Protein backbone atom coordinates (compact mmCIF):
# COMPACT_ATOMS: atom_id res chain seq x y z
CA MET A 1 -11.57 -26.38 1.36
CA LEU A 2 -9.47 -23.82 3.01
CA PRO A 3 -7.92 -20.58 0.78
CA ILE A 4 -3.89 -21.76 1.82
CA LYS A 5 -1.42 -23.17 -0.25
CA LEU A 6 0.22 -25.08 2.96
CA LYS A 7 -0.48 -29.24 2.93
CA ILE A 8 -2.11 -29.42 6.32
CA PRO A 9 -2.27 -32.93 7.98
CA ASP A 10 -5.87 -33.62 8.38
CA ASN A 11 -5.92 -34.72 12.42
CA PHE A 12 -4.75 -31.37 13.04
CA PHE A 13 -8.20 -30.04 12.57
CA ASN A 14 -9.47 -32.53 15.36
CA GLU A 15 -10.82 -30.83 18.98
CA GLU A 16 -8.38 -31.24 21.41
CA VAL A 17 -7.82 -29.66 24.58
CA ARG A 18 -4.55 -28.59 25.67
CA CYS A 19 -3.54 -27.12 28.73
CA GLY A 20 -7.26 -28.12 30.20
CA TYR A 21 -8.42 -25.52 27.35
CA ASN A 22 -10.90 -26.92 24.14
CA ILE A 23 -9.51 -25.79 20.72
CA SER A 24 -12.09 -26.50 18.59
CA ARG A 25 -12.44 -27.05 15.18
CA GLN A 26 -12.99 -23.44 13.69
CA MET A 27 -10.02 -22.19 15.79
CA LYS A 28 -7.67 -24.75 14.07
CA GLU A 29 -9.27 -23.42 10.76
CA ILE A 30 -7.90 -20.02 11.49
CA TRP A 31 -4.51 -21.63 12.86
CA ALA A 32 -4.51 -23.27 9.46
CA VAL A 33 -5.06 -20.01 7.43
CA GLU A 34 -2.44 -18.36 9.75
CA LEU A 35 0.49 -21.19 9.41
CA ASP A 36 -0.10 -20.77 5.72
CA LEU A 37 0.60 -16.73 6.38
CA LEU A 38 4.01 -17.92 8.13
CA ASP A 39 4.82 -20.16 5.51
CA GLN A 40 4.46 -17.47 3.11
CA PHE A 41 6.51 -15.13 4.95
CA ILE A 42 9.40 -18.00 6.05
CA ARG A 43 9.43 -18.99 2.14
CA VAL A 44 9.95 -15.10 1.57
CA CYS A 45 12.66 -14.57 4.29
CA GLU A 46 14.78 -17.72 3.18
CA GLU A 47 14.17 -16.66 -0.60
CA TYR A 48 15.65 -13.36 0.45
CA LYS A 49 17.81 -13.84 2.94
CA LEU A 50 16.15 -11.81 5.88
CA LYS A 51 16.63 -11.90 9.22
CA TYR A 52 13.51 -12.49 11.47
CA PHE A 53 12.37 -14.11 15.23
CA VAL A 54 8.61 -15.54 16.51
CA MET A 55 7.78 -12.96 18.85
CA GLY A 56 5.26 -12.55 21.61
CA GLY A 57 2.89 -14.60 22.50
CA THR A 58 3.94 -16.40 19.37
CA LEU A 59 7.64 -17.17 21.21
CA LEU A 60 6.03 -18.01 24.08
CA GLY A 61 4.18 -20.44 22.66
CA THR A 62 6.89 -22.17 20.40
CA ILE A 63 8.94 -22.56 23.69
CA ARG A 64 5.86 -23.41 25.84
CA HIS A 65 3.74 -25.56 23.50
CA LYS A 66 5.61 -26.14 20.34
CA GLY A 67 2.68 -24.45 18.74
CA PHE A 68 -0.04 -21.70 19.30
CA ILE A 69 -0.67 -21.22 23.51
CA PRO A 70 -4.19 -22.64 23.19
CA TRP A 71 -5.91 -19.69 23.50
CA ASP A 72 -4.60 -17.57 21.33
CA ASP A 73 -5.32 -16.51 17.66
CA ASP A 74 -2.16 -14.56 16.14
CA ILE A 75 1.05 -15.10 14.89
CA ASP A 76 4.05 -12.17 16.02
CA VAL A 77 6.87 -11.81 14.16
CA ILE A 78 9.71 -9.03 14.30
CA MET A 79 12.46 -7.68 12.09
CA PRO A 80 15.63 -6.17 12.61
CA ARG A 81 15.35 -2.86 10.74
CA ASN A 82 17.76 -3.71 8.01
CA ASP A 83 15.37 -6.52 6.99
CA TYR A 84 12.09 -4.95 7.54
CA ASN A 85 13.63 -2.62 5.46
CA LYS A 86 13.92 -4.67 2.84
CA LEU A 87 10.63 -6.41 3.35
CA LEU A 88 8.66 -3.00 2.99
CA GLN A 89 10.97 -2.83 -0.58
CA ILE A 90 9.83 -6.43 -1.65
CA GLY A 91 6.32 -7.02 -0.11
CA PRO A 92 4.03 -5.53 -2.52
CA LYS A 93 5.86 -7.62 -5.05
CA VAL A 94 6.12 -11.17 -3.81
CA PHE A 95 3.15 -11.16 -1.80
CA GLN A 96 0.03 -11.99 -4.78
CA HIS A 97 -3.44 -13.23 -3.77
CA PRO A 98 -4.61 -14.49 -2.13
CA TYR A 99 -1.91 -13.04 0.07
CA PHE A 100 -2.18 -9.12 0.70
CA PHE A 101 0.79 -6.99 2.07
CA SER A 102 -0.70 -4.06 4.26
CA THR A 103 0.92 -1.63 4.94
CA PRO A 104 -0.47 2.50 4.84
CA GLU A 105 2.36 2.95 1.66
CA THR A 106 -0.47 -0.39 -0.03
CA GLU A 107 -3.64 1.23 1.69
CA HIS A 108 -3.23 5.05 1.58
CA LYS A 109 -6.50 6.03 3.69
CA PHE A 110 -5.52 3.13 6.41
CA TRP A 111 -2.98 3.67 9.07
CA ARG A 112 -1.27 0.93 10.96
CA SER A 113 2.16 1.34 12.27
CA HIS A 114 3.47 -2.26 11.21
CA ILE A 115 3.43 -3.93 7.99
CA GLN A 116 0.36 -7.21 8.76
CA ILE A 117 -0.01 -9.57 5.88
CA ARG A 118 -3.31 -11.41 5.21
CA ASN A 119 -5.27 -13.36 3.21
CA SER A 120 -7.97 -12.06 1.41
CA GLU A 121 -10.00 -14.91 0.64
CA THR A 122 -10.76 -14.75 4.75
CA THR A 123 -12.52 -12.56 7.26
CA GLY A 124 -10.61 -11.52 10.33
CA SER A 125 -11.85 -8.54 11.10
CA ILE A 126 -10.77 -6.20 13.98
CA GLN A 127 -13.29 -4.41 15.89
CA SER A 128 -11.95 -0.96 16.21
CA ASP A 129 -11.50 -1.61 12.01
CA GLU A 130 -15.15 -2.33 11.22
CA ASN A 131 -15.63 0.83 9.44
CA ARG A 132 -12.11 1.55 8.07
CA ASN A 133 -11.72 0.93 4.34
CA ASN A 134 -8.88 -1.69 4.27
CA ASN A 135 -8.41 -5.17 3.80
CA LYS A 136 -10.24 -7.38 6.78
CA GLY A 137 -8.22 -10.96 5.62
CA ILE A 138 -6.60 -13.30 8.26
CA PHE A 139 -3.64 -11.63 9.39
CA ILE A 140 -0.13 -12.28 10.82
CA ASP A 141 2.10 -9.31 12.15
CA VAL A 142 5.19 -8.35 11.65
CA PHE A 143 7.12 -5.95 13.97
CA VAL A 144 10.66 -4.00 13.51
CA LEU A 145 13.69 -4.63 16.22
CA ASP A 146 15.38 -1.34 16.78
CA ASP A 147 18.47 -0.20 18.02
CA VAL A 148 18.01 2.17 21.01
CA PRO A 149 19.43 4.18 23.37
CA ASN A 150 21.10 1.93 26.23
CA ASP A 151 20.37 5.10 28.52
CA SER A 152 16.09 4.46 29.93
CA VAL A 153 16.21 8.62 29.98
CA LYS A 154 17.32 8.37 26.06
CA ARG A 155 14.76 5.75 25.54
CA ALA A 156 11.84 7.62 26.93
CA VAL A 157 12.28 11.12 25.07
CA HIS A 158 13.18 8.26 21.65
CA ARG A 159 9.62 6.76 23.23
CA LYS A 160 8.45 10.30 23.17
CA LYS A 161 8.77 11.53 19.84
CA ILE A 162 7.43 7.92 18.42
CA SER A 163 4.31 7.67 20.83
CA LYS A 164 3.23 11.51 19.40
CA ILE A 165 3.36 10.72 15.33
CA TYR A 166 1.44 7.33 16.50
CA ARG A 167 -1.12 9.66 18.76
CA TRP A 168 -2.40 12.09 15.83
CA VAL A 169 -2.31 9.54 13.26
CA SER A 170 -4.78 7.54 15.15
CA ILE A 171 -6.44 10.47 15.79
CA ASP A 172 -6.93 11.28 12.30
CA MET A 173 -7.67 8.13 11.23
CA ASP A 174 -10.57 8.36 13.91
CA LEU A 175 -12.05 11.99 12.44
CA GLU A 176 -12.08 10.41 8.63
CA TYR A 177 -13.64 7.35 9.54
CA ARG A 178 -16.01 8.63 11.99
CA LYS A 179 -17.50 11.89 10.16
CA LYS A 180 -19.58 13.19 12.87
CA ASN A 181 -19.75 16.51 13.92
CA LEU A 182 -17.84 17.34 10.83
CA LYS A 183 -18.86 21.14 11.72
CA SER A 184 -18.44 21.19 14.91
CA ILE A 185 -15.42 23.45 16.50
CA LYS A 186 -13.66 20.87 17.89
CA TYR A 187 -13.95 18.71 15.00
CA ILE A 188 -12.69 21.14 12.74
CA ILE A 189 -9.83 22.20 15.42
CA LEU A 190 -8.31 18.88 15.94
CA LYS A 191 -7.84 18.87 12.04
CA ILE A 192 -5.78 21.75 11.58
CA ILE A 193 -3.53 19.88 14.59
CA THR A 194 -3.22 16.75 12.62
CA LYS A 195 -2.60 18.29 9.50
CA LEU A 196 0.77 19.03 11.54
CA PHE A 197 2.00 15.65 11.31
CA VAL A 198 -0.44 14.05 9.09
CA ASN A 199 -0.72 14.10 5.21
CA ALA A 200 -4.02 14.66 4.33
CA GLY A 201 -5.62 12.12 2.27
CA SER A 202 -2.84 9.27 3.11
CA TYR A 203 -0.52 8.32 5.34
CA SER A 204 2.03 6.45 3.26
CA LYS A 205 4.50 9.69 3.47
CA THR A 206 3.31 9.74 7.43
CA PHE A 207 4.31 5.94 8.04
CA GLN A 208 8.02 6.52 6.62
CA LYS A 209 8.26 9.27 9.05
CA PHE A 210 7.41 7.50 11.95
CA ASN A 211 9.73 4.41 10.68
CA LYS A 212 12.54 7.48 10.51
CA ALA A 213 11.47 7.97 14.31
CA CYS A 214 11.80 4.79 15.52
CA ALA A 215 15.08 3.97 13.51
CA LEU A 216 16.89 7.06 14.86
CA TYR A 217 19.15 5.11 16.74
CA SER A 218 19.83 2.60 14.22
CA GLY A 219 23.43 1.44 13.43
CA ASN A 220 24.80 3.58 16.66
CA GLU A 221 26.93 1.73 18.79
CA SER A 222 23.78 0.85 21.46
CA HIS A 223 24.02 -2.67 22.70
CA THR A 224 20.22 -2.37 23.02
CA VAL A 225 17.24 -3.16 20.83
CA ALA A 226 13.70 -2.75 21.29
CA HIS A 227 10.79 -3.46 19.88
CA THR A 228 9.13 0.09 18.86
CA ALA A 229 6.71 0.42 16.31
CA LEU A 230 3.80 -1.27 19.21
CA SER A 231 3.94 -0.69 22.78
CA TYR A 232 7.06 0.63 23.11
CA ARG A 233 8.26 0.36 26.58
CA GLU A 234 10.32 -1.40 28.63
CA ALA A 235 9.31 -4.86 29.09
CA VAL A 236 10.27 -4.93 25.06
CA VAL A 237 13.51 -3.53 25.05
CA TRP A 238 16.32 -6.54 25.04
CA ASP A 239 20.05 -6.64 25.45
CA LYS A 240 21.30 -7.05 21.36
CA ASN A 241 23.26 -10.54 22.07
CA ASP A 242 19.74 -11.72 22.89
CA PHE A 243 19.10 -11.83 19.05
CA THR A 244 23.07 -12.36 17.84
CA ASP A 245 21.99 -15.57 17.14
CA SER A 246 19.19 -17.90 16.66
CA GLN A 247 18.11 -21.51 16.50
CA ILE A 248 15.26 -23.64 15.04
CA MET A 249 12.34 -24.83 16.59
CA PRO A 250 8.95 -26.74 15.84
CA PHE A 251 5.65 -24.29 15.72
CA GLU A 252 2.82 -26.66 14.79
CA MET A 253 4.40 -28.16 11.65
CA LEU A 254 6.59 -26.17 11.00
CA ASN A 255 10.35 -24.77 11.78
CA VAL A 256 10.35 -21.20 12.69
CA THR A 257 13.53 -19.38 14.16
CA VAL A 258 13.76 -18.03 17.89
CA PRO A 259 15.86 -15.78 19.18
CA ALA A 260 18.84 -17.70 20.77
CA GLY A 261 18.62 -15.69 24.19
CA TYR A 262 14.83 -16.52 24.47
CA LYS A 263 14.83 -17.08 28.08
CA SER A 264 15.94 -13.44 28.45
CA VAL A 265 13.37 -12.01 26.18
CA LEU A 266 10.88 -14.15 27.73
CA THR A 267 11.48 -13.38 31.31
CA LYS A 268 11.55 -9.51 30.34
CA HIS A 269 8.26 -9.71 28.76
CA TYR A 270 6.60 -12.11 31.21
CA GLY A 271 8.17 -12.06 33.77
CA GLU A 272 10.26 -15.75 35.66
CA ASN A 273 7.42 -17.89 35.30
CA TYR A 274 7.15 -17.81 31.79
CA MET A 275 6.55 -21.66 31.25
CA GLU A 276 3.84 -21.57 34.13
CA ILE A 277 0.49 -22.03 33.23
CA PRO A 278 -1.98 -19.46 33.55
CA LYS A 279 -4.87 -19.83 35.45
CA GLU A 280 -7.08 -17.87 33.97
CA TYR A 281 -6.86 -17.61 29.83
CA PRO A 282 -6.06 -13.80 28.94
CA LYS A 283 -7.75 -12.16 26.30
CA THR A 284 -5.99 -11.40 23.19
CA ALA A 285 -4.15 -8.52 21.97
CA HIS A 286 -6.58 -7.52 19.59
CA GLY A 287 -9.44 -8.13 21.51
CA GLU A 288 -12.50 -9.64 19.72
CA VAL A 289 -11.88 -10.25 16.22
CA PHE A 290 -14.66 -11.71 13.49
CA PHE A 291 -13.23 -14.66 11.66
CA ASP A 292 -14.64 -16.41 8.65
CA VAL A 293 -12.15 -18.79 7.09
CA ASN A 294 -14.60 -19.84 4.14
CA LYS A 295 -15.98 -16.01 2.94
CA PRO A 296 -13.28 -13.25 2.11
CA PHE A 297 -13.71 -9.97 4.02
CA THR A 298 -15.56 -8.34 1.27
CA PHE A 299 -18.44 -10.51 1.75
CA TYR A 300 -19.11 -8.58 4.87
CA TYR A 301 -17.59 -5.39 4.02
CA LYS A 302 -18.63 -3.70 1.07
């Protein structure tokens, strides 16, 4: 039995073919764990009146498939900055075992630039995180939607400030977990430089600094918003009006919130032909992930 609270119809787990792609029972079980996480997230948003939208491949899946993209294995949501900040405050309290609210403030020696909500009784380990000290349960990603400059040149400057922090904290975490050539000149120099950007032994304050940089234009007169905390580029910069209103649409057996301007959002992100099924199935953004829906990550990673 899966370690989830959401009631999943038995026939959901049947293997099936969607858009020419075979979906195995194993994939359906991974989906079920992620749907349960999404259901818990939505429950919290409704209780605390927080605004969110499904985003990225999850938005595309909602519109094109009324659920998961058949070859996808993750769920992405995005929240306006004020709602995201409120979730940062309440998340550690409202997501109780088996759910885990993962940020650099709850996992002090691990860096990720956004929120993840995980199921601690499962395993969903990203290959690049295998040797790192973090919760490796199956997860959904929660991103932030920030006000950004209307001018593309100013956005480029803003993006550079954010990426500078991200780059150095990523280097520092690689040095922390690589544990090689600890006496090399290069290692020593890099550790000295990263101390200018990273708080030694903890990424909590760096996470706060990073969020402050992302939210630099929050509440200004801008009519432009962007997905700032990860892969901030022009393809994820949108008109704020696209997110002023919302609609409720089905996603598998759940109902999710989509931006009223989803057509414009998807066109900017995926191109005008976003409703067409690709001839080749793209790899997921996370790359190789090791999944086990029946064993906690502590079974594999001590």
